[in-house]
Amino acid sequence: MSNFNEETVKSVHHWTHNLFTFTTTRDPGFRFLNGQFAMIGLMVEGKPLLRAYSMASANYEEDLQFFSIKVQNGPLTSRLQHLKIGDKILVGRKATGTLIQDNLLPGKNLYLLSTGTGLAPFLSVVKDPDAYERFEKIVLIHGCRTVAELAYDDYLTKELPENEFIGDEVKAKLIYYPTVTREPFRHQ
């Protein structure tokens, strides 16, 4: 049995010249905890070329979503950035990582500090209903160089608060604080 599932790319969104998101199918047997990562990759010259990527999707979502930077000469990202709908991608069958609910120390507030694509595992966490039960407030800070790199700003401020299952909790408990360092912005 292979250690990888072959998934199909369902969508690709290029946020900027150096950031993109892609969504794939998800094998029904692939389980993960919010905040974990898996090895993903492509077959290159008959061998798997793999890197660890955090799931930006929640564990209850039908598809898998990944948030990536484009590295011009990066062994994998230089190829991933050219993904198209229908392309095949390898996803490891075993997710891992320690950024999970059981490892978070009890407290009043949960602070999630990220830069760039480091937002990905936190997207998974802020979609987790258990996180809103465990903490009074969840503070998500996302720092980027430019406003355009705040890729999930609309999702976090408009879509997630309207989610039919956790929207009320998100409105009451999630504090999203985007910040930009290289151009004028309300949080600079």
N, C-alpha and C. Protein backbone atom coordinates (compact mmCIF):
# COMPACT_ATOMS: atom_id res chain seq x y z
N MET A 1 0.84 -1.18 0.00
CA MET A 1 0.00 0.00 0.00
C MET A 1 0.89 1.24 0.00
N SER A 2 0.56 2.19 -0.82
CA SER A 2 1.31 3.43 -0.92
C SER A 2 1.10 4.30 0.32
N ASN A 3 2.09 5.10 0.63
CA ASN A 3 1.97 6.04 1.74
C ASN A 3 1.28 7.34 1.32
N PHE A 4 0.85 7.39 0.05
CA PHE A 4 0.26 8.62 -0.48
C PHE A 4 -1.04 8.35 -1.21
N ASN A 5 -1.94 9.31 -1.10
CA ASN A 5 -3.15 9.31 -1.92
C ASN A 5 -2.88 10.23 -3.10
N GLU A 6 -3.41 9.87 -4.25
CA GLU A 6 -3.33 10.76 -5.40
C GLU A 6 -4.62 11.56 -5.43
N GLU A 7 -4.50 12.86 -5.27
CA GLU A 7 -5.67 13.74 -5.26
C GLU A 7 -5.68 14.59 -6.52
N THR A 8 -6.85 15.13 -6.83
CA THR A 8 -7.04 15.95 -8.02
C THR A 8 -7.22 17.40 -7.64
N VAL A 9 -6.53 18.29 -8.33
CA VAL A 9 -6.66 19.72 -8.07
C VAL A 9 -8.03 20.18 -8.56
N LYS A 10 -8.77 20.85 -7.66
CA LYS A 10 -10.11 21.33 -7.98
C LYS A 10 -10.14 22.83 -8.26
N SER A 11 -9.21 23.57 -7.65
CA SER A 11 -9.15 25.01 -7.89
C SER A 11 -7.76 25.53 -7.56
N VAL A 12 -7.40 26.62 -8.22
CA VAL A 12 -6.13 27.30 -7.96
C VAL A 12 -6.43 28.80 -7.98
N HIS A 13 -5.96 29.50 -6.97
CA HIS A 13 -6.15 30.96 -6.92
C HIS A 13 -4.81 31.62 -6.65
N HIS A 14 -4.38 32.47 -7.57
CA HIS A 14 -3.12 33.21 -7.41
C HIS A 14 -3.45 34.56 -6.78
N TRP A 15 -3.04 34.73 -5.53
CA TRP A 15 -3.32 35.97 -4.80
C TRP A 15 -2.43 37.10 -5.30
N THR A 16 -1.15 36.80 -5.45
CA THR A 16 -0.15 37.77 -5.89
C THR A 16 0.85 37.03 -6.78
N HIS A 17 1.88 37.73 -7.19
CA HIS A 17 2.92 37.08 -7.99
C HIS A 17 3.70 36.04 -7.19
N ASN A 18 3.55 36.06 -5.85
CA ASN A 18 4.31 35.09 -5.06
C ASN A 18 3.49 34.27 -4.07
N LEU A 19 2.15 34.37 -4.10
CA LEU A 19 1.30 33.59 -3.19
C LEU A 19 0.13 32.97 -3.94
N PHE A 20 -0.18 31.73 -3.61
CA PHE A 20 -1.34 31.09 -4.22
C PHE A 20 -1.93 30.05 -3.28
N THR A 21 -3.18 29.73 -3.54
CA THR A 21 -3.92 28.71 -2.80
C THR A 21 -4.40 27.68 -3.80
N PHE A 22 -4.36 26.41 -3.42
CA PHE A 22 -4.97 25.39 -4.27
C PHE A 22 -5.77 24.44 -3.41
N THR A 23 -6.84 23.93 -4.01
CA THR A 23 -7.76 23.02 -3.34
C THR A 23 -7.75 21.71 -4.10
N THR A 24 -7.77 20.61 -3.34
CA THR A 24 -7.77 19.28 -3.96
C THR A 24 -8.92 18.45 -3.42
N THR A 25 -9.16 17.36 -4.10
CA THR A 25 -10.08 16.36 -3.56
C THR A 25 -9.47 15.81 -2.28
N ARG A 26 -10.27 15.09 -1.53
CA ARG A 26 -9.79 14.51 -0.27
C ARG A 26 -10.27 13.07 -0.17
N ASP A 27 -9.32 12.17 -0.03
CA ASP A 27 -9.66 10.76 0.16
C ASP A 27 -10.52 10.65 1.42
N PRO A 28 -11.63 9.91 1.35
CA PRO A 28 -12.51 9.78 2.52
C PRO A 28 -11.80 9.21 3.75
N GLY A 29 -10.73 8.47 3.55
CA GLY A 29 -10.01 7.88 4.67
C GLY A 29 -8.94 8.79 5.26
N PHE A 30 -8.71 9.95 4.65
CA PHE A 30 -7.67 10.86 5.15
C PHE A 30 -8.21 11.66 6.33
N ARG A 31 -7.64 11.43 7.48
CA ARG A 31 -8.06 12.10 8.72
C ARG A 31 -6.92 12.97 9.23
N PHE A 32 -7.29 14.11 9.79
CA PHE A 32 -6.30 14.96 10.44
C PHE A 32 -6.97 15.80 11.50
N LEU A 33 -6.16 16.32 12.40
CA LEU A 33 -6.63 17.24 13.42
C LEU A 33 -6.33 18.65 12.94
N ASN A 34 -7.23 19.58 13.24
CA ASN A 34 -7.00 20.96 12.82
C ASN A 34 -5.67 21.45 13.37
N GLY A 35 -4.87 22.06 12.48
CA GLY A 35 -3.54 22.54 12.84
C GLY A 35 -2.42 21.63 12.38
N GLN A 36 -2.75 20.45 11.88
CA GLN A 36 -1.71 19.51 11.44
C GLN A 36 -1.26 19.77 10.00
N PHE A 37 -0.20 19.07 9.61
CA PHE A 37 0.32 19.15 8.25
C PHE A 37 0.49 17.75 7.69
N ALA A 38 0.68 17.70 6.37
CA ALA A 38 0.94 16.43 5.69
C ALA A 38 2.01 16.66 4.64
N MET A 39 2.64 15.59 4.23
CA MET A 39 3.58 15.67 3.12
C MET A 39 2.76 15.70 1.83
N ILE A 40 3.05 16.67 0.98
CA ILE A 40 2.38 16.72 -0.32
C ILE A 40 3.45 16.88 -1.39
N GLY A 41 3.10 16.55 -2.62
CA GLY A 41 4.08 16.71 -3.67
C GLY A 41 3.62 16.23 -5.02
N LEU A 42 4.59 16.12 -5.89
CA LEU A 42 4.37 15.72 -7.27
C LEU A 42 5.34 14.61 -7.64
N MET A 43 4.96 13.83 -8.61
CA MET A 43 5.89 12.84 -9.17
C MET A 43 6.79 13.57 -10.16
N VAL A 44 8.09 13.48 -9.95
CA VAL A 44 9.06 14.13 -10.83
C VAL A 44 10.09 13.08 -11.23
N GLU A 45 10.16 12.82 -12.51
CA GLU A 45 11.09 11.81 -13.04
C GLU A 45 10.91 10.47 -12.34
N GLY A 46 9.65 10.10 -12.11
CA GLY A 46 9.32 8.81 -11.53
C GLY A 46 9.48 8.70 -10.03
N LYS A 47 9.83 9.81 -9.36
CA LYS A 47 10.01 9.80 -7.91
C LYS A 47 9.16 10.90 -7.28
N PRO A 48 8.67 10.65 -6.06
CA PRO A 48 7.89 11.70 -5.40
C PRO A 48 8.80 12.82 -4.87
N LEU A 49 8.44 14.05 -5.21
CA LEU A 49 9.11 15.24 -4.68
C LEU A 49 8.15 15.84 -3.67
N LEU A 50 8.53 15.83 -2.40
CA LEU A 50 7.60 16.12 -1.31
C LEU A 50 8.09 17.21 -0.38
N ARG A 51 7.13 17.93 0.20
CA ARG A 51 7.39 18.90 1.26
C ARG A 51 6.22 18.87 2.22
N ALA A 52 6.47 19.33 3.44
CA ALA A 52 5.41 19.42 4.45
C ALA A 52 4.58 20.68 4.21
N TYR A 53 3.27 20.50 4.18
CA TYR A 53 2.34 21.62 4.02
C TYR A 53 1.22 21.49 5.04
N SER A 54 0.93 22.59 5.72
CA SER A 54 -0.20 22.61 6.65
C SER A 54 -1.50 22.67 5.87
N MET A 55 -2.51 22.01 6.38
CA MET A 55 -3.83 22.12 5.80
C MET A 55 -4.44 23.45 6.23
N ALA A 56 -4.92 24.21 5.26
CA ALA A 56 -5.65 25.45 5.56
C ALA A 56 -7.13 25.13 5.74
N SER A 57 -7.54 23.98 5.28
CA SER A 57 -8.93 23.53 5.43
C SER A 57 -9.11 22.93 6.82
N ALA A 58 -10.35 22.90 7.26
CA ALA A 58 -10.67 22.27 8.55
C ALA A 58 -10.85 20.77 8.33
N ASN A 59 -10.73 20.02 9.42
CA ASN A 59 -10.81 18.56 9.30
C ASN A 59 -12.18 18.05 8.90
N TYR A 60 -13.20 18.87 9.00
CA TYR A 60 -14.55 18.45 8.61
C TYR A 60 -14.91 18.85 7.18
N GLU A 61 -14.03 19.56 6.50
CA GLU A 61 -14.33 20.00 5.14
C GLU A 61 -14.07 18.89 4.14
N GLU A 62 -14.84 18.90 3.08
CA GLU A 62 -14.79 17.85 2.06
C GLU A 62 -13.49 17.86 1.27
N ASP A 63 -12.95 19.04 1.01
CA ASP A 63 -11.73 19.18 0.21
C ASP A 63 -10.55 19.56 1.09
N LEU A 64 -9.36 19.45 0.53
CA LEU A 64 -8.15 19.92 1.20
C LEU A 64 -7.72 21.22 0.55
N GLN A 65 -7.27 22.16 1.38
CA GLN A 65 -6.79 23.43 0.85
C GLN A 65 -5.40 23.71 1.40
N PHE A 66 -4.53 24.24 0.53
CA PHE A 66 -3.16 24.55 0.89
C PHE A 66 -2.83 25.97 0.43
N PHE A 67 -2.02 26.67 1.22
CA PHE A 67 -1.61 28.05 0.95
C PHE A 67 -0.10 28.02 0.76
N SER A 68 0.38 28.51 -0.38
CA SER A 68 1.79 28.35 -0.70
C SER A 68 2.42 29.63 -1.23
N ILE A 69 3.71 29.72 -0.99
CA ILE A 69 4.52 30.77 -1.58
C ILE A 69 5.09 30.21 -2.89
N LYS A 70 5.42 31.10 -3.81
CA LYS A 70 6.06 30.69 -5.06
C LYS A 70 7.55 30.99 -4.93
N VAL A 71 8.36 29.96 -4.94
CA VAL A 71 9.81 30.12 -4.89
C VAL A 71 10.33 29.79 -6.28
N GLN A 72 10.91 30.79 -6.93
CA GLN A 72 11.30 30.66 -8.34
C GLN A 72 12.07 29.38 -8.64
N ASN A 73 13.08 29.08 -7.87
CA ASN A 73 13.88 27.89 -8.12
C ASN A 73 13.67 26.81 -7.07
N GLY A 74 12.59 26.91 -6.32
CA GLY A 74 12.29 25.91 -5.30
C GLY A 74 11.99 24.58 -5.96
N PRO A 75 12.54 23.50 -5.43
CA PRO A 75 12.34 22.19 -6.06
C PRO A 75 10.86 21.85 -6.27
N LEU A 76 10.02 22.13 -5.27
CA LEU A 76 8.60 21.79 -5.40
C LEU A 76 7.74 23.00 -5.76
N THR A 77 7.93 24.12 -5.06
CA THR A 77 7.03 25.26 -5.30
C THR A 77 7.15 25.82 -6.71
N SER A 78 8.31 25.68 -7.32
CA SER A 78 8.45 26.16 -8.70
C SER A 78 7.55 25.35 -9.64
N ARG A 79 7.19 24.14 -9.22
CA ARG A 79 6.28 23.30 -10.00
C ARG A 79 4.83 23.48 -9.55
N LEU A 80 4.62 23.55 -8.23
CA LEU A 80 3.25 23.68 -7.71
C LEU A 80 2.56 24.94 -8.24
N GLN A 81 3.31 26.02 -8.41
CA GLN A 81 2.70 27.27 -8.84
C GLN A 81 2.07 27.18 -10.23
N HIS A 82 2.38 26.14 -10.96
CA HIS A 82 1.81 25.96 -12.30
C HIS A 82 0.66 24.94 -12.32
N LEU A 83 0.20 24.53 -11.14
CA LEU A 83 -0.92 23.58 -11.07
C LEU A 83 -2.13 24.13 -11.80
N LYS A 84 -2.87 23.20 -12.40
CA LYS A 84 -4.12 23.54 -13.08
C LYS A 84 -5.20 22.58 -12.61
N ILE A 85 -6.43 23.00 -12.75
CA ILE A 85 -7.55 22.14 -12.39
C ILE A 85 -7.43 20.82 -13.15
N GLY A 86 -7.58 19.72 -12.42
CA GLY A 86 -7.47 18.39 -13.02
C GLY A 86 -6.11 17.74 -12.83
N ASP A 87 -5.09 18.53 -12.49
CA ASP A 87 -3.77 17.96 -12.24
C ASP A 87 -3.81 17.05 -11.02
N LYS A 88 -2.88 16.13 -10.96
CA LYS A 88 -2.78 15.20 -9.83
C LYS A 88 -1.68 15.66 -8.87
N ILE A 89 -1.93 15.44 -7.59
CA ILE A 89 -0.96 15.79 -6.56
C ILE A 89 -0.95 14.67 -5.52
N LEU A 90 0.20 14.42 -4.93
CA LEU A 90 0.31 13.41 -3.89
C LEU A 90 0.06 14.04 -2.52
N VAL A 91 -0.71 13.36 -1.69
CA VAL A 91 -0.95 13.80 -0.32
C VAL A 91 -0.67 12.61 0.59
N GLY A 92 0.25 12.80 1.53
CA GLY A 92 0.58 11.73 2.47
C GLY A 92 -0.64 11.25 3.23
N ARG A 93 -0.69 9.96 3.50
CA ARG A 93 -1.85 9.38 4.20
C ARG A 93 -1.84 9.69 5.70
N LYS A 94 -0.70 10.15 6.23
CA LYS A 94 -0.60 10.39 7.66
C LYS A 94 -0.31 11.86 7.92
N ALA A 95 -1.23 12.52 8.61
CA ALA A 95 -1.01 13.90 9.03
C ALA A 95 -0.28 13.89 10.37
N THR A 96 0.44 14.95 10.63
CA THR A 96 1.18 15.04 11.89
C THR A 96 1.28 16.50 12.30
N GLY A 97 1.86 16.74 13.45
CA GLY A 97 2.05 18.11 13.93
C GLY A 97 1.52 18.28 15.34
N THR A 98 2.05 19.26 16.03
CA THR A 98 1.71 19.46 17.43
C THR A 98 0.80 20.66 17.68
N LEU A 99 0.43 21.40 16.66
CA LEU A 99 -0.46 22.55 16.82
C LEU A 99 -1.91 22.07 16.83
N ILE A 100 -2.24 21.29 17.83
CA ILE A 100 -3.58 20.71 17.92
C ILE A 100 -4.19 21.08 19.27
N GLN A 101 -5.51 20.99 19.36
CA GLN A 101 -6.23 21.40 20.57
C GLN A 101 -5.67 20.76 21.84
N ASP A 102 -5.39 19.47 21.81
CA ASP A 102 -4.91 18.79 23.01
C ASP A 102 -3.56 19.29 23.50
N ASN A 103 -2.80 19.94 22.64
CA ASN A 103 -1.48 20.45 23.03
C ASN A 103 -1.50 21.92 23.44
N LEU A 104 -2.64 22.58 23.26
CA LEU A 104 -2.73 23.99 23.64
C LEU A 104 -3.00 24.08 25.13
N LEU A 105 -2.19 24.87 25.80
CA LEU A 105 -2.35 25.03 27.24
C LEU A 105 -3.64 25.78 27.53
N PRO A 106 -4.29 25.44 28.63
CA PRO A 106 -5.52 26.15 28.97
C PRO A 106 -5.23 27.63 29.23
N GLY A 107 -6.18 28.45 28.92
CA GLY A 107 -6.04 29.87 29.15
C GLY A 107 -7.30 30.59 28.73
N LYS A 108 -7.33 31.87 29.00
CA LYS A 108 -8.50 32.68 28.66
C LYS A 108 -8.53 32.96 27.15
N ASN A 109 -7.37 33.33 26.61
CA ASN A 109 -7.29 33.72 25.20
C ASN A 109 -6.25 32.86 24.47
N LEU A 110 -6.49 32.65 23.19
CA LEU A 110 -5.54 31.95 22.33
C LEU A 110 -4.99 32.97 21.34
N TYR A 111 -3.68 33.12 21.33
CA TYR A 111 -3.02 34.06 20.42
C TYR A 111 -2.34 33.26 19.32
N LEU A 112 -2.67 33.59 18.08
CA LEU A 112 -2.09 32.94 16.91
C LEU A 112 -1.38 34.00 16.09
N LEU A 113 -0.06 33.95 16.04
CA LEU A 113 0.76 34.96 15.35
C LEU A 113 1.37 34.34 14.11
N SER A 114 1.11 34.95 12.95
CA SER A 114 1.62 34.37 11.71
C SER A 114 2.12 35.44 10.76
N THR A 115 2.99 35.01 9.87
CA THR A 115 3.42 35.86 8.76
C THR A 115 3.25 35.05 7.48
N GLY A 116 2.89 35.73 6.41
CA GLY A 116 2.78 35.09 5.11
C GLY A 116 1.96 33.82 5.11
N THR A 117 2.52 32.77 4.50
CA THR A 117 1.79 31.50 4.38
C THR A 117 1.74 30.74 5.69
N GLY A 118 2.41 31.25 6.72
CA GLY A 118 2.31 30.66 8.05
C GLY A 118 0.91 30.75 8.63
N LEU A 119 0.04 31.45 7.93
CA LEU A 119 -1.36 31.55 8.32
C LEU A 119 -2.09 30.22 8.16
N ALA A 120 -1.63 29.37 7.25
CA ALA A 120 -2.37 28.15 6.88
C ALA A 120 -2.85 27.30 8.05
N PRO A 121 -1.99 26.87 8.97
CA PRO A 121 -2.51 26.02 10.04
C PRO A 121 -3.49 26.75 10.95
N PHE A 122 -3.32 28.07 11.07
CA PHE A 122 -4.23 28.85 11.91
C PHE A 122 -5.61 28.96 11.27
N LEU A 123 -5.67 28.93 9.94
CA LEU A 123 -6.98 28.92 9.27
C LEU A 123 -7.75 27.68 9.67
N SER A 124 -7.05 26.56 9.73
CA SER A 124 -7.66 25.31 10.16
C SER A 124 -8.15 25.42 11.60
N VAL A 125 -7.33 26.03 12.46
CA VAL A 125 -7.67 26.15 13.88
C VAL A 125 -8.88 27.07 14.09
N VAL A 126 -8.94 28.21 13.38
CA VAL A 126 -10.05 29.15 13.62
C VAL A 126 -11.37 28.66 13.02
N LYS A 127 -11.33 27.58 12.26
CA LYS A 127 -12.56 26.96 11.76
C LYS A 127 -13.01 25.83 12.68
N ASP A 128 -12.27 25.57 13.74
CA ASP A 128 -12.54 24.46 14.65
C ASP A 128 -13.51 24.88 15.75
N PRO A 129 -14.72 24.32 15.78
CA PRO A 129 -15.69 24.69 16.82
C PRO A 129 -15.14 24.48 18.24
N ASP A 130 -14.29 23.48 18.43
CA ASP A 130 -13.73 23.22 19.76
C ASP A 130 -12.88 24.38 20.26
N ALA A 131 -12.22 25.08 19.36
CA ALA A 131 -11.39 26.22 19.77
C ALA A 131 -12.24 27.30 20.43
N TYR A 132 -13.44 27.49 19.92
CA TYR A 132 -14.32 28.53 20.48
C TYR A 132 -14.94 28.09 21.80
N GLU A 133 -14.99 26.80 22.04
CA GLU A 133 -15.47 26.30 23.33
C GLU A 133 -14.38 26.43 24.40
N ARG A 134 -13.12 26.31 23.99
CA ARG A 134 -12.01 26.30 24.95
C ARG A 134 -11.51 27.68 25.34
N PHE A 135 -11.72 28.68 24.47
CA PHE A 135 -11.15 30.00 24.72
C PHE A 135 -12.22 31.09 24.65
N GLU A 136 -12.05 32.12 25.49
CA GLU A 136 -12.98 33.24 25.47
C GLU A 136 -12.77 34.08 24.22
N LYS A 137 -11.52 34.25 23.83
CA LYS A 137 -11.18 35.00 22.62
C LYS A 137 -10.07 34.26 21.88
N ILE A 138 -10.11 34.36 20.56
CA ILE A 138 -9.03 33.86 19.72
C ILE A 138 -8.52 35.07 18.94
N VAL A 139 -7.26 35.41 19.15
CA VAL A 139 -6.66 36.57 18.50
C VAL A 139 -5.73 36.06 17.41
N LEU A 140 -6.08 36.35 16.17
CA LEU A 140 -5.30 35.91 15.01
C LEU A 140 -4.62 37.12 14.39
N ILE A 141 -3.30 37.15 14.46
CA ILE A 141 -2.52 38.24 13.88
C ILE A 141 -1.82 37.69 12.65
N HIS A 142 -1.99 38.41 11.53
CA HIS A 142 -1.37 37.98 10.27
C HIS A 142 -0.57 39.15 9.72
N GLY A 143 0.75 39.02 9.72
CA GLY A 143 1.62 40.06 9.21
C GLY A 143 2.13 39.72 7.82
N CYS A 144 2.11 40.73 6.95
CA CYS A 144 2.59 40.58 5.58
C CYS A 144 3.31 41.86 5.16
N ARG A 145 3.97 41.81 4.03
CA ARG A 145 4.64 43.00 3.51
C ARG A 145 3.65 43.97 2.87
N THR A 146 2.70 43.43 2.10
CA THR A 146 1.77 44.28 1.36
C THR A 146 0.33 43.87 1.64
N VAL A 147 -0.59 44.78 1.37
CA VAL A 147 -2.01 44.51 1.56
C VAL A 147 -2.45 43.32 0.70
N ALA A 148 -1.95 43.24 -0.51
CA ALA A 148 -2.34 42.16 -1.42
C ALA A 148 -1.98 40.78 -0.85
N GLU A 149 -0.98 40.72 0.02
CA GLU A 149 -0.57 39.44 0.60
C GLU A 149 -1.47 38.99 1.76
N LEU A 150 -2.39 39.84 2.18
CA LEU A 150 -3.36 39.45 3.21
C LEU A 150 -4.44 38.61 2.53
N ALA A 151 -4.03 37.49 2.02
CA ALA A 151 -4.83 36.66 1.13
C ALA A 151 -6.20 36.28 1.68
N TYR A 152 -6.30 35.98 2.93
CA TYR A 152 -7.56 35.48 3.49
C TYR A 152 -8.33 36.55 4.26
N ASP A 153 -8.00 37.81 4.05
CA ASP A 153 -8.66 38.90 4.76
C ASP A 153 -10.18 38.87 4.58
N ASP A 154 -10.65 38.80 3.34
CA ASP A 154 -12.10 38.75 3.09
C ASP A 154 -12.73 37.51 3.69
N TYR A 155 -12.06 36.40 3.60
CA TYR A 155 -12.60 35.17 4.18
C TYR A 155 -12.78 35.32 5.69
N LEU A 156 -11.76 35.85 6.35
CA LEU A 156 -11.80 35.96 7.81
C LEU A 156 -12.74 37.05 8.31
N THR A 157 -12.93 38.09 7.52
CA THR A 157 -13.79 39.20 7.96
C THR A 157 -15.22 39.12 7.45
N LYS A 158 -15.44 38.40 6.37
CA LYS A 158 -16.78 38.36 5.77
C LYS A 158 -17.39 36.96 5.72
N GLU A 159 -16.65 35.99 5.19
CA GLU A 159 -17.22 34.65 5.00
C GLU A 159 -17.30 33.84 6.29
N LEU A 160 -16.20 33.74 7.02
CA LEU A 160 -16.20 32.92 8.24
C LEU A 160 -17.23 33.39 9.27
N PRO A 161 -17.39 34.71 9.48
CA PRO A 161 -18.42 35.14 10.44
C PRO A 161 -19.85 34.79 10.00
N GLU A 162 -20.04 34.47 8.74
CA GLU A 162 -21.37 34.09 8.24
C GLU A 162 -21.54 32.58 8.13
N ASN A 163 -20.54 31.82 8.56
CA ASN A 163 -20.61 30.36 8.52
C ASN A 163 -21.82 29.89 9.32
N GLU A 164 -22.62 29.01 8.73
CA GLU A 164 -23.87 28.60 9.38
C GLU A 164 -23.66 27.83 10.67
N PHE A 165 -22.51 27.22 10.86
CA PHE A 165 -22.28 26.42 12.05
C PHE A 165 -21.51 27.16 13.15
N ILE A 166 -20.49 27.93 12.77
CA ILE A 166 -19.67 28.59 13.79
C ILE A 166 -19.66 30.11 13.68
N GLY A 167 -20.44 30.65 12.77
CA GLY A 167 -20.44 32.10 12.53
C GLY A 167 -20.69 32.93 13.78
N ASP A 168 -21.65 32.54 14.60
CA ASP A 168 -21.94 33.31 15.81
C ASP A 168 -20.76 33.31 16.77
N GLU A 169 -20.10 32.16 16.91
CA GLU A 169 -18.92 32.08 17.77
C GLU A 169 -17.78 32.92 17.20
N VAL A 170 -17.61 32.88 15.89
CA VAL A 170 -16.57 33.67 15.24
C VAL A 170 -16.81 35.15 15.50
N LYS A 171 -18.04 35.60 15.30
CA LYS A 171 -18.37 37.02 15.53
C LYS A 171 -18.09 37.43 16.97
N ALA A 172 -18.37 36.56 17.91
CA ALA A 172 -18.22 36.90 19.32
C ALA A 172 -16.79 36.74 19.84
N LYS A 173 -16.02 35.83 19.25
CA LYS A 173 -14.74 35.47 19.88
C LYS A 173 -13.48 35.66 19.04
N LEU A 174 -13.60 35.73 17.71
CA LEU A 174 -12.40 35.86 16.88
C LEU A 174 -12.05 37.33 16.68
N ILE A 175 -10.82 37.65 17.02
CA ILE A 175 -10.27 38.99 16.75
C ILE A 175 -9.19 38.79 15.69
N TYR A 176 -9.46 39.27 14.49
CA TYR A 176 -8.50 39.15 13.40
C TYR A 176 -7.79 40.49 13.25
N TYR A 177 -6.47 40.46 13.32
CA TYR A 177 -5.67 41.67 13.27
C TYR A 177 -4.63 41.54 12.16
N PRO A 178 -4.98 42.00 10.95
CA PRO A 178 -4.00 41.97 9.86
C PRO A 178 -3.06 43.17 9.99
N THR A 179 -1.82 42.98 9.61
CA THR A 179 -0.86 44.08 9.65
C THR A 179 0.07 44.00 8.45
N VAL A 180 0.50 45.17 7.98
CA VAL A 180 1.33 45.28 6.79
C VAL A 180 2.56 46.13 7.11
N THR A 181 3.71 45.75 6.59
CA THR A 181 4.95 46.45 6.94
C THR A 181 5.51 47.37 5.86
N ARG A 182 5.15 47.17 4.60
CA ARG A 182 5.83 47.92 3.53
C ARG A 182 4.95 48.87 2.74
N GLU A 183 3.75 49.11 3.20
CA GLU A 183 2.91 50.12 2.55
C GLU A 183 1.87 50.60 3.55
N PRO A 184 1.26 51.74 3.29
CA PRO A 184 0.27 52.27 4.23
C PRO A 184 -0.88 51.28 4.46
N PHE A 185 -1.26 51.16 5.72
CA PHE A 185 -2.33 50.26 6.10
C PHE A 185 -2.82 50.66 7.48
N ARG A 186 -4.06 50.33 7.78
CA ARG A 186 -4.65 50.74 9.06
C ARG A 186 -3.89 50.15 10.26
N HIS A 187 -3.27 49.00 10.10
CA HIS A 187 -2.46 48.39 11.16
C HIS A 187 -1.03 48.27 10.66
N GLN A 188 -0.29 49.32 10.81
CA GLN A 188 1.09 49.29 10.30
C GLN A 188 2.08 49.41 11.42
